[in-house]
Amino acid sequence: MNSADVMKMAQTKSLVLLAGPCVVEGEDLVMEVAGRVKEIADKLGMPYVFKASYRKANRSRVDSFTGLGDQIGLELIQKVGKTFGIPTVTDIHAADEAAMAAAYVDVLQIPAFLCRQTDLLQAAAATGKVVNIKKGQFLSAESMKHAVNKVKEAGNNNVWLTERGTMFGYQDLVVDYRGIPVMQEYAPAIMDCTHSLQQPNQSSGVTGGRPELIGTIAKAAVAVGVDGLFIETHPNPAVALSDGANMLQLSKLEELLEQVMEIRAVIKK
């Protein structure tokens, strides 16, 4: 699938879904999650992009799981895309990762804490892939126009923006839904329903979360007209190797998406 086709996903009346486990833990997991989410998305008429990180570079503790190895992780994400005929997205953390990851995925994601890194944005732009930029927890929605401009001025107009909350004190995030229409002035806007509920900076070095509020975040975002939802999901978040505290249990995904699609149908009348 080319970038133009992927871009159309967030420019239609359908609600695009970016979903999958936080990180590639193994082939069985990514295949199980992708297969089940695709079933649900097809049933509801939602364009689906499979999400998984091939490597986690931003862990709090040095002993945290970071991945199976770059090559293995990227090849498994690519296999998911080919097996199910769906586009894929993964995040990159340095400029020299852009071309490497672009050979395997359709969308390059820029982590929130790196959204101002000019060389990273330009390297992602140079691949011609869709670039999904997460809004920094420390930035306003208005300031994200500069990140978008860095990609577009590098010759790539295929840009999405993702809201993922704003720091509120040291260990909590809040979502300002006014930012969604603001960011839509610059690019299609996605709502990260799981990372927005993180509780970072815990003394244990393991990020906490409020997964019971994922539905609240998703429904509110759809009600204000967001173009897509980003949801990390896992069959058993309690044993997930990364971000288990704020992931949605896979068995709960279908009911939530049915609800948000009902809201979407009302606001698009």
C-alpha atoms as a PDB file:
ATOM      1  CA  MET A   1       0.000   0.000   0.000  1.00  0.00           C
ATOM      2  CA  ASN A   2       1.431   3.391  -0.958  1.00  0.00           C
ATOM      3  CA  SER A   3       1.438   6.502   1.203  1.00  0.00           C
ATOM      4  CA  ALA A   4      -1.408   8.122  -0.710  1.00  0.00           C
ATOM      5  CA  ASP A   5      -3.655   5.162   0.068  1.00  0.00           C
ATOM      6  CA  VAL A   6      -2.697   5.228   3.739  1.00  0.00           C
ATOM      7  CA  MET A   7      -3.315   8.981   3.945  1.00  0.00           C
ATOM      8  CA  LYS A   8      -6.844   8.508   2.614  1.00  0.00           C
ATOM      9  CA  MET A   9      -7.651   6.384   5.655  1.00  0.00           C
ATOM     10  CA  ALA A  10      -7.691   9.464   7.891  1.00  0.00           C
ATOM     11  CA  GLN A  11      -9.372  11.689   5.315  1.00  0.00           C
ATOM     12  CA  THR A  12     -12.638   9.800   4.908  1.00  0.00           C
ATOM     13  CA  LYS A  13     -15.829   9.519   6.941  1.00  0.00           C
ATOM     14  CA  SER A  14     -14.506   6.272   8.398  1.00  0.00           C
ATOM     15  CA  LEU A  15     -12.608   6.278  11.678  1.00  0.00           C
ATOM     16  CA  VAL A  16      -9.080   4.941  11.163  1.00  0.00           C
ATOM     17  CA  LEU A  17      -7.762   2.537  13.803  1.00  0.00           C
ATOM     18  CA  LEU A  18      -4.100   2.171  14.773  1.00  0.00           C
ATOM     19  CA  ALA A  19      -3.909  -0.789  17.135  1.00  0.00           C
ATOM     20  CA  GLY A  20      -1.664  -3.576  18.327  1.00  0.00           C
ATOM     21  CA  PRO A  21       0.658  -4.511  21.180  1.00  0.00           C
ATOM     22  CA  CYS A  22       3.144  -1.997  22.529  1.00  0.00           C
ATOM     23  CA  VAL A  23       6.156  -3.985  21.345  1.00  0.00           C
ATOM     24  CA  VAL A  24       6.870  -7.101  19.280  1.00  0.00           C
ATOM     25  CA  GLU A  25       7.106  -9.819  21.923  1.00  0.00           C
ATOM     26  CA  GLY A  26       6.981 -12.728  19.482  1.00  0.00           C
ATOM     27  CA  GLU A  27       5.310 -13.988  16.305  1.00  0.00           C
ATOM     28  CA  ASP A  28       2.392 -15.684  18.021  1.00  0.00           C
ATOM     29  CA  LEU A  29       1.384 -12.479  19.814  1.00  0.00           C
ATOM     30  CA  VAL A  30       1.497 -10.124  16.821  1.00  0.00           C
ATOM     31  CA  MET A  31      -0.380 -12.587  14.632  1.00  0.00           C
ATOM     32  CA  GLU A  32      -3.059 -13.179  17.253  1.00  0.00           C
ATOM     33  CA  VAL A  33      -3.618  -9.488  17.916  1.00  0.00           C
ATOM     34  CA  ALA A  34      -3.522  -8.416  14.265  1.00  0.00           C
ATOM     35  CA  GLY A  35      -5.873 -11.190  13.202  1.00  0.00           C
ATOM     36  CA  ARG A  36      -8.443 -10.431  15.878  1.00  0.00           C
ATOM     37  CA  VAL A  37      -8.315  -6.647  15.427  1.00  0.00           C
ATOM     38  CA  LYS A  38      -8.677  -7.006  11.664  1.00  0.00           C
ATOM     39  CA  GLU A  39     -11.790  -9.142  12.162  1.00  0.00           C
ATOM     40  CA  ILE A  40     -13.316  -6.447  14.339  1.00  0.00           C
ATOM     41  CA  ALA A  41     -12.263  -3.590  12.064  1.00  0.00           C
ATOM     42  CA  ASP A  42     -13.624  -5.322   8.965  1.00  0.00           C
ATOM     43  CA  LYS A  43     -16.924  -5.979  10.723  1.00  0.00           C
ATOM     44  CA  LEU A  44     -17.253  -2.303  11.685  1.00  0.00           C
ATOM     45  CA  GLY A  45     -15.905  -0.850   8.443  1.00  0.00           C
ATOM     46  CA  MET A  46     -12.856   0.717  10.069  1.00  0.00           C
ATOM     47  CA  PRO A  47      -9.618   1.153   8.100  1.00  0.00           C
ATOM     48  CA  TYR A  48      -6.968  -0.637  10.182  1.00  0.00           C
ATOM     49  CA  VAL A  49      -3.236  -0.013  10.619  1.00  0.00           C
ATOM     50  CA  PHE A  50      -1.367  -2.583  12.725  1.00  0.00           C
ATOM     51  CA  LYS A  51       0.891  -1.007  15.356  1.00  0.00           C
ATOM     52  CA  ALA A  52       3.862  -2.468  17.204  1.00  0.00           C
ATOM     53  CA  SER A  53       7.277  -1.160  18.190  1.00  0.00           C
ATOM     54  CA  TYR A  54      10.198  -3.185  16.883  1.00  0.00           C
ATOM     55  CA  ARG A  55      12.337  -1.677  19.631  1.00  0.00           C
ATOM     56  CA  LYS A  56      11.594   0.344  22.763  1.00  0.00           C
ATOM     57  CA  ALA A  57      14.258   2.985  23.265  1.00  0.00           C
ATOM     58  CA  ASN A  58      12.548   4.990  25.993  1.00  0.00           C
ATOM     59  CA  ARG A  59      12.334   2.618  28.944  1.00  0.00           C
ATOM     60  CA  SER A  60      12.786   3.981  32.444  1.00  0.00           C
ATOM     61  CA  ARG A  61      14.992   1.143  33.692  1.00  0.00           C
ATOM     62  CA  VAL A  62      17.986  -0.448  32.043  1.00  0.00           C
ATOM     63  CA  ASP A  63      16.640  -3.941  32.784  1.00  0.00           C
ATOM     64  CA  SER A  64      13.331  -3.336  30.963  1.00  0.00           C
ATOM     65  CA  PHE A  65      12.505  -5.340  27.828  1.00  0.00           C
ATOM     66  CA  THR A  66      13.434  -3.400  24.689  1.00  0.00           C
ATOM     67  CA  GLY A  67      12.734  -5.899  21.904  1.00  0.00           C
ATOM     68  CA  LEU A  68      13.781  -9.095  20.165  1.00  0.00           C
ATOM     69  CA  GLY A  69      16.310  -7.319  17.941  1.00  0.00           C
ATOM     70  CA  ASP A  70      15.705  -4.762  15.224  1.00  0.00           C
ATOM     71  CA  GLN A  71      15.736  -7.140  12.274  1.00  0.00           C
ATOM     72  CA  ILE A  72      13.517  -9.727  13.914  1.00  0.00           C
ATOM     73  CA  GLY A  73      11.022  -7.123  15.095  1.00  0.00           C
ATOM     74  CA  LEU A  74      10.767  -5.367  11.753  1.00  0.00           C
ATOM     75  CA  GLU A  75      10.439  -8.624   9.825  1.00  0.00           C
ATOM     76  CA  LEU A  76       7.585  -9.755  12.075  1.00  0.00           C
ATOM     77  CA  ILE A  77       5.754  -6.455  11.602  1.00  0.00           C
ATOM     78  CA  GLN A  78       6.219  -6.785   7.851  1.00  0.00           C
ATOM     79  CA  LYS A  79       4.921 -10.366   8.003  1.00  0.00           C
ATOM     80  CA  VAL A  80       1.777  -9.150   9.762  1.00  0.00           C
ATOM     81  CA  GLY A  81       1.193  -6.613   7.011  1.00  0.00           C
ATOM     82  CA  LYS A  82       1.626  -9.150   4.237  1.00  0.00           C
ATOM     83  CA  THR A  83      -0.375 -11.883   5.967  1.00  0.00           C
ATOM     84  CA  PHE A  84      -3.436  -9.755   6.624  1.00  0.00           C
ATOM     85  CA  GLY A  85      -3.082  -7.246   3.781  1.00  0.00           C
ATOM     86  CA  ILE A  86      -2.980  -4.253   6.117  1.00  0.00           C
ATOM     87  CA  PRO A  87      -0.651  -1.265   6.505  1.00  0.00           C
ATOM     88  CA  THR A  88       1.661  -1.143   9.503  1.00  0.00           C
ATOM     89  CA  VAL A  89       3.184   1.497  11.763  1.00  0.00           C
ATOM     90  CA  THR A  90       6.184   1.499  14.084  1.00  0.00           C
ATOM     91  CA  ASP A  91       8.080   4.209  15.922  1.00  0.00           C
ATOM     92  CA  ILE A  92      11.630   5.357  15.288  1.00  0.00           C
ATOM     93  CA  HIS A  93      13.944   7.164  17.651  1.00  0.00           C
ATOM     94  CA  ALA A  94      16.908   8.347  15.583  1.00  0.00           C
ATOM     95  CA  ALA A  95      17.412   9.707  12.074  1.00  0.00           C
ATOM     96  CA  ASP A  96      19.416   6.678  10.960  1.00  0.00           C
ATOM     97  CA  GLU A  97      16.483   4.383  11.805  1.00  0.00           C
ATOM     98  CA  ALA A  98      14.108   6.027   9.336  1.00  0.00           C
ATOM     99  CA  ALA A  99      15.283   4.431   6.098  1.00  0.00           C
ATOM    100  CA  MET A 100      15.771   1.072   7.790  1.00  0.00           C
ATOM    101  CA  ALA A 101      12.254   0.945   9.250  1.00  0.00           C
ATOM    102  CA  ALA A 102      10.679   2.379   6.084  1.00  0.00           C
ATOM    103  CA  ALA A 103      11.741  -0.744   4.201  1.00  0.00           C
ATOM    104  CA  TYR A 104       9.336  -2.765   6.355  1.00  0.00           C
ATOM    105  CA  VAL A 105       6.413  -0.517   7.351  1.00  0.00           C
ATOM    106  CA  ASP A 106       3.968   1.970   5.833  1.00  0.00           C
ATOM    107  CA  VAL A 107       3.877   4.603   8.582  1.00  0.00           C
ATOM    108  CA  LEU A 108       6.779   5.965  10.629  1.00  0.00           C
ATOM    109  CA  GLN A 109       5.795   7.213  14.069  1.00  0.00           C
ATOM    110  CA  ILE A 110       7.687   9.933  15.912  1.00  0.00           C
ATOM    111  CA  PRO A 111       7.524   9.529  19.708  1.00  0.00           C
ATOM    112  CA  ALA A 112       6.086  12.468  21.623  1.00  0.00           C
ATOM    113  CA  PHE A 113       9.298  13.304  23.444  1.00  0.00           C
ATOM    114  CA  LEU A 114      11.131  13.510  20.093  1.00  0.00           C
ATOM    115  CA  CYS A 115       8.559  15.516  18.137  1.00  0.00           C
ATOM    116  CA  ARG A 116      10.819  18.591  17.931  1.00  0.00           C
ATOM    117  CA  GLN A 117      13.872  16.714  16.635  1.00  0.00           C
ATOM    118  CA  THR A 118      14.424  18.314  13.235  1.00  0.00           C
ATOM    119  CA  ASP A 119      16.839  15.716  11.884  1.00  0.00           C
ATOM    120  CA  LEU A 120      14.493  12.881  12.877  1.00  0.00           C
ATOM    121  CA  LEU A 121      11.476  14.526  11.241  1.00  0.00           C
ATOM    122  CA  GLN A 122      13.412  15.287   8.083  1.00  0.00           C
ATOM    123  CA  ALA A 123      14.782  11.749   7.849  1.00  0.00           C
ATOM    124  CA  ALA A 124      11.289  10.319   8.243  1.00  0.00           C
ATOM    125  CA  ALA A 125       9.986  12.732   5.609  1.00  0.00           C
ATOM    126  CA  ALA A 126      12.714  11.695   3.166  1.00  0.00           C
ATOM    127  CA  THR A 127      11.377   8.118   3.098  1.00  0.00           C
ATOM    128  CA  GLY A 128       8.114   9.266   1.519  1.00  0.00           C
ATOM    129  CA  LYS A 129       6.169   7.267   4.091  1.00  0.00           C
ATOM    130  CA  VAL A 130       3.297   8.651   6.138  1.00  0.00           C
ATOM    131  CA  VAL A 131       4.776  10.306   9.241  1.00  0.00           C
ATOM    132  CA  ASN A 132       2.660  10.125  12.391  1.00  0.00           C
ATOM    133  CA  ILE A 133       3.941  12.697  14.892  1.00  0.00           C
ATOM    134  CA  LYS A 134       2.857  12.355  18.491  1.00  0.00           C
ATOM    135  CA  LYS A 135       2.304  15.659  20.267  1.00  0.00           C
ATOM    136  CA  GLY A 136       4.838  16.244  23.011  1.00  0.00           C
ATOM    137  CA  GLN A 137       3.398  16.064  26.520  1.00  0.00           C
ATOM    138  CA  PHE A 138       5.087  19.425  27.063  1.00  0.00           C
ATOM    139  CA  LEU A 139       3.678  21.215  23.989  1.00  0.00           C
ATOM    140  CA  SER A 140       0.467  22.957  23.011  1.00  0.00           C
ATOM    141  CA  ALA A 141      -1.622  21.763  20.088  1.00  0.00           C
ATOM    142  CA  GLU A 142      -0.858  25.031  18.270  1.00  0.00           C
ATOM    143  CA  SER A 143       2.891  24.431  18.451  1.00  0.00           C
ATOM    144  CA  MET A 144       2.586  21.178  16.490  1.00  0.00           C
ATOM    145  CA  LYS A 145       2.244  23.140  13.268  1.00  0.00           C
ATOM    146  CA  HIS A 146       6.011  23.568  13.360  1.00  0.00           C
ATOM    147  CA  ALA A 147       6.600  19.810  13.458  1.00  0.00           C
ATOM    148  CA  VAL A 148       4.220  19.349  10.539  1.00  0.00           C
ATOM    149  CA  ASN A 149       5.974  22.093   8.593  1.00  0.00           C
ATOM    150  CA  LYS A 150       9.350  20.407   9.080  1.00  0.00           C
ATOM    151  CA  VAL A 151       8.025  17.299   7.355  1.00  0.00           C
ATOM    152  CA  LYS A 152       6.212  19.172   4.598  1.00  0.00           C
ATOM    153  CA  GLU A 153       9.133  21.490   3.901  1.00  0.00           C
ATOM    154  CA  ALA A 154      11.257  18.370   3.462  1.00  0.00           C
ATOM    155  CA  GLY A 155       8.970  17.437   0.572  1.00  0.00           C
ATOM    156  CA  ASN A 156       6.503  15.061   2.244  1.00  0.00           C
ATOM    157  CA  ASN A 157       2.857  16.068   2.730  1.00  0.00           C
ATOM    158  CA  ASN A 158       1.872  12.725   4.248  1.00  0.00           C
ATOM    159  CA  VAL A 159       1.541  13.724   7.908  1.00  0.00           C
ATOM    160  CA  TRP A 160      -0.701  12.766  10.820  1.00  0.00           C
ATOM    161  CA  LEU A 161      -0.702  14.219  14.327  1.00  0.00           C
ATOM    162  CA  THR A 162      -1.490  12.224  17.449  1.00  0.00           C
ATOM    163  CA  GLU A 163      -2.735  13.643  20.746  1.00  0.00           C
ATOM    164  CA  ARG A 164      -1.441  11.727  23.782  1.00  0.00           C
ATOM    165  CA  GLY A 165      -2.108  14.002  26.718  1.00  0.00           C
ATOM    166  CA  THR A 166      -0.266  16.805  28.484  1.00  0.00           C
ATOM    167  CA  MET A 167       1.784  16.537  31.666  1.00  0.00           C
ATOM    168  CA  PHE A 168      -0.162  17.515  34.769  1.00  0.00           C
ATOM    169  CA  GLY A 169       2.320  17.485  37.593  1.00  0.00           C
ATOM    170  CA  TYR A 170       4.996  14.813  37.654  1.00  0.00           C
ATOM    171  CA  GLN A 171       2.940  11.633  37.518  1.00  0.00           C
ATOM    172  CA  ASP A 172      -0.204  12.276  35.528  1.00  0.00           C
ATOM    173  CA  LEU A 173      -1.501  13.374  32.133  1.00  0.00           C
ATOM    174  CA  VAL A 174      -4.659  15.196  31.056  1.00  0.00           C
ATOM    175  CA  VAL A 175      -6.248  15.488  27.620  1.00  0.00           C
ATOM    176  CA  ASP A 176      -7.365  18.879  26.351  1.00  0.00           C
ATOM    177  CA  TYR A 177      -9.876  18.026  23.637  1.00  0.00           C
ATOM    178  CA  ARG A 178      -9.726  21.555  22.269  1.00  0.00           C
ATOM    179  CA  GLY A 179      -6.419  20.494  20.754  1.00  0.00           C
ATOM    180  CA  ILE A 180      -8.012  18.069  18.316  1.00  0.00           C
ATOM    181  CA  PRO A 181      -9.698  20.655  16.055  1.00  0.00           C
ATOM    182  CA  VAL A 182      -6.616  22.843  16.408  1.00  0.00           C
ATOM    183  CA  MET A 183      -4.310  20.090  15.141  1.00  0.00           C
ATOM    184  CA  GLN A 184      -6.763  19.214  12.379  1.00  0.00           C
ATOM    185  CA  GLU A 185      -5.931  22.578  10.865  1.00  0.00           C
ATOM    186  CA  TYR A 186      -2.464  21.177  10.162  1.00  0.00           C
ATOM    187  CA  ALA A 187      -3.037  17.446   9.579  1.00  0.00           C
ATOM    188  CA  PRO A 188      -5.461  14.613  10.315  1.00  0.00           C
ATOM    189  CA  ALA A 189      -5.618  14.071  14.087  1.00  0.00           C
ATOM    190  CA  ILE A 190      -5.406  10.744  15.883  1.00  0.00           C
ATOM    191  CA  MET A 191      -6.242  10.186  19.568  1.00  0.00           C
ATOM    192  CA  ASP A 192      -3.875   7.953  21.534  1.00  0.00           C
ATOM    193  CA  CYS A 193      -6.351   6.453  23.979  1.00  0.00           C
ATOM    194  CA  THR A 194      -3.843   4.395  25.957  1.00  0.00           C
ATOM    195  CA  HIS A 195      -0.682   6.469  26.428  1.00  0.00           C
ATOM    196  CA  SER A 196      -2.884   9.415  27.410  1.00  0.00           C
ATOM    197  CA  LEU A 197      -3.688   7.437  30.541  1.00  0.00           C
ATOM    198  CA  GLN A 198      -0.111   6.741  31.564  1.00  0.00           C
ATOM    199  CA  GLN A 199       1.106   7.639  35.036  1.00  0.00           C
ATOM    200  CA  PRO A 200       4.814   8.182  34.377  1.00  0.00           C
ATOM    201  CA  ASN A 201       7.757   8.799  36.695  1.00  0.00           C
ATOM    202  CA  GLN A 202       6.824   6.144  39.229  1.00  0.00           C
ATOM    203  CA  SER A 203       9.475   5.430  41.861  1.00  0.00           C
ATOM    204  CA  SER A 204       9.543   1.780  40.769  1.00  0.00           C
ATOM    205  CA  GLY A 205      10.740   2.796  37.309  1.00  0.00           C
ATOM    206  CA  VAL A 206       7.666   1.144  35.755  1.00  0.00           C
ATOM    207  CA  THR A 207       5.025   3.461  34.290  1.00  0.00           C
ATOM    208  CA  GLY A 208       1.532   3.143  35.733  1.00  0.00           C
ATOM    209  CA  GLY A 209      -1.796   3.738  34.011  1.00  0.00           C
ATOM    210  CA  ARG A 210      -5.593   4.024  34.164  1.00  0.00           C
ATOM    211  CA  PRO A 211      -6.840   1.511  31.544  1.00  0.00           C
ATOM    212  CA  GLU A 212     -10.369   1.612  32.945  1.00  0.00           C
ATOM    213  CA  LEU A 213     -10.651   5.087  31.372  1.00  0.00           C
ATOM    214  CA  ILE A 214      -9.639   4.098  27.827  1.00  0.00           C
ATOM    215  CA  GLY A 215     -13.284   4.112  26.777  1.00  0.00           C
ATOM    216  CA  THR A 216     -13.783   7.579  28.222  1.00  0.00           C
ATOM    217  CA  ILE A 217     -10.833   8.972  26.259  1.00  0.00           C
ATOM    218  CA  ALA A 218     -11.916   7.261  23.026  1.00  0.00           C
ATOM    219  CA  LYS A 219     -15.571   8.269  23.185  1.00  0.00           C
ATOM    220  CA  ALA A 220     -14.800  11.889  23.990  1.00  0.00           C
ATOM    221  CA  ALA A 221     -12.301  12.124  21.137  1.00  0.00           C
ATOM    222  CA  VAL A 222     -14.743  10.690  18.631  1.00  0.00           C
ATOM    223  CA  ALA A 223     -17.459  13.048  19.884  1.00  0.00           C
ATOM    224  CA  VAL A 224     -15.292  16.059  19.024  1.00  0.00           C
ATOM    225  CA  GLY A 225     -14.521  14.711  15.556  1.00  0.00           C
ATOM    226  CA  VAL A 226     -11.116  13.035  15.740  1.00  0.00           C
ATOM    227  CA  ASP A 227      -9.965  11.290  12.548  1.00  0.00           C
ATOM    228  CA  GLY A 228      -8.639   8.133  14.145  1.00  0.00           C
ATOM    229  CA  LEU A 229      -7.909   6.204  17.331  1.00  0.00           C
ATOM    230  CA  PHE A 230      -4.617   4.749  18.525  1.00  0.00           C
ATOM    231  CA  ILE A 231      -5.126   1.884  20.984  1.00  0.00           C
ATOM    232  CA  GLU A 232      -2.492  -0.469  22.313  1.00  0.00           C
ATOM    233  CA  THR A 233      -4.070  -3.832  23.063  1.00  0.00           C
ATOM    234  CA  HIS A 234      -2.914  -7.193  24.364  1.00  0.00           C
ATOM    235  CA  PRO A 235      -4.627 -10.515  25.182  1.00  0.00           C
ATOM    236  CA  ASN A 236      -3.299 -10.273  28.744  1.00  0.00           C
ATOM    237  CA  PRO A 237      -1.909  -6.830  29.648  1.00  0.00           C
ATOM    238  CA  ALA A 238      -0.833  -8.112  33.056  1.00  0.00           C
ATOM    239  CA  VAL A 239       1.967 -10.127  31.445  1.00  0.00           C
ATOM    240  CA  ALA A 240       2.820  -7.684  28.631  1.00  0.00           C
ATOM    241  CA  LEU A 241       6.522  -6.877  28.374  1.00  0.00           C
ATOM    242  CA  SER A 242       5.919  -3.134  27.904  1.00  0.00           C
ATOM    243  CA  ASP A 243       3.169  -0.670  28.906  1.00  0.00           C
ATOM    244  CA  GLY A 244       0.903  -3.346  30.322  1.00  0.00           C
ATOM    245  CA  ALA A 245      -0.458  -0.879  32.874  1.00  0.00           C
ATOM    246  CA  ASN A 246      -2.249   1.214  30.268  1.00  0.00           C
ATOM    247  CA  MET A 247      -3.111  -1.262  27.493  1.00  0.00           C
ATOM    248  CA  LEU A 248      -6.635  -2.412  26.654  1.00  0.00           C
ATOM    249  CA  GLN A 249      -7.407  -6.086  27.082  1.00  0.00           C
ATOM    250  CA  LEU A 250      -8.020  -7.488  23.603  1.00  0.00           C
ATOM    251  CA  SER A 251     -11.324  -9.089  24.607  1.00  0.00           C
ATOM    252  CA  LYS A 252     -12.720  -5.629  25.431  1.00  0.00           C
ATOM    253  CA  LEU A 253     -11.830  -3.999  22.117  1.00  0.00           C
ATOM    254  CA  GLU A 254     -14.866  -4.971  20.040  1.00  0.00           C
ATOM    255  CA  GLU A 255     -17.425  -3.561  22.472  1.00  0.00           C
ATOM    256  CA  LEU A 256     -15.537  -0.278  22.748  1.00  0.00           C
ATOM    257  CA  LEU A 257     -15.196   0.122  18.987  1.00  0.00           C
ATOM    258  CA  GLU A 258     -18.889  -0.624  18.484  1.00  0.00           C
ATOM    259  CA  GLN A 259     -19.687   2.199  20.887  1.00  0.00           C
ATOM    260  CA  VAL A 260     -17.360   4.731  19.276  1.00  0.00           C
ATOM    261  CA  MET A 261     -18.662   3.898  15.824  1.00  0.00           C
ATOM    262  CA  GLU A 262     -22.182   4.656  17.018  1.00  0.00           C
ATOM    263  CA  ILE A 263     -20.977   8.043  18.215  1.00  0.00           C
ATOM    264  CA  ARG A 264     -19.137   8.588  14.935  1.00  0.00           C
ATOM    265  CA  ALA A 265     -22.303   7.853  12.957  1.00  0.00           C
ATOM    266  CA  VAL A 266     -24.222  10.509  14.903  1.00  0.00           C
ATOM    267  CA  ILE A 267     -21.679  13.313  14.511  1.00  0.00           C
ATOM    268  CA  LYS A 268     -21.192  12.600  10.793  1.00  0.00           C
ATOM    269  CA  LYS A 269     -24.891  12.898   9.938  1.00  0.00           C
END
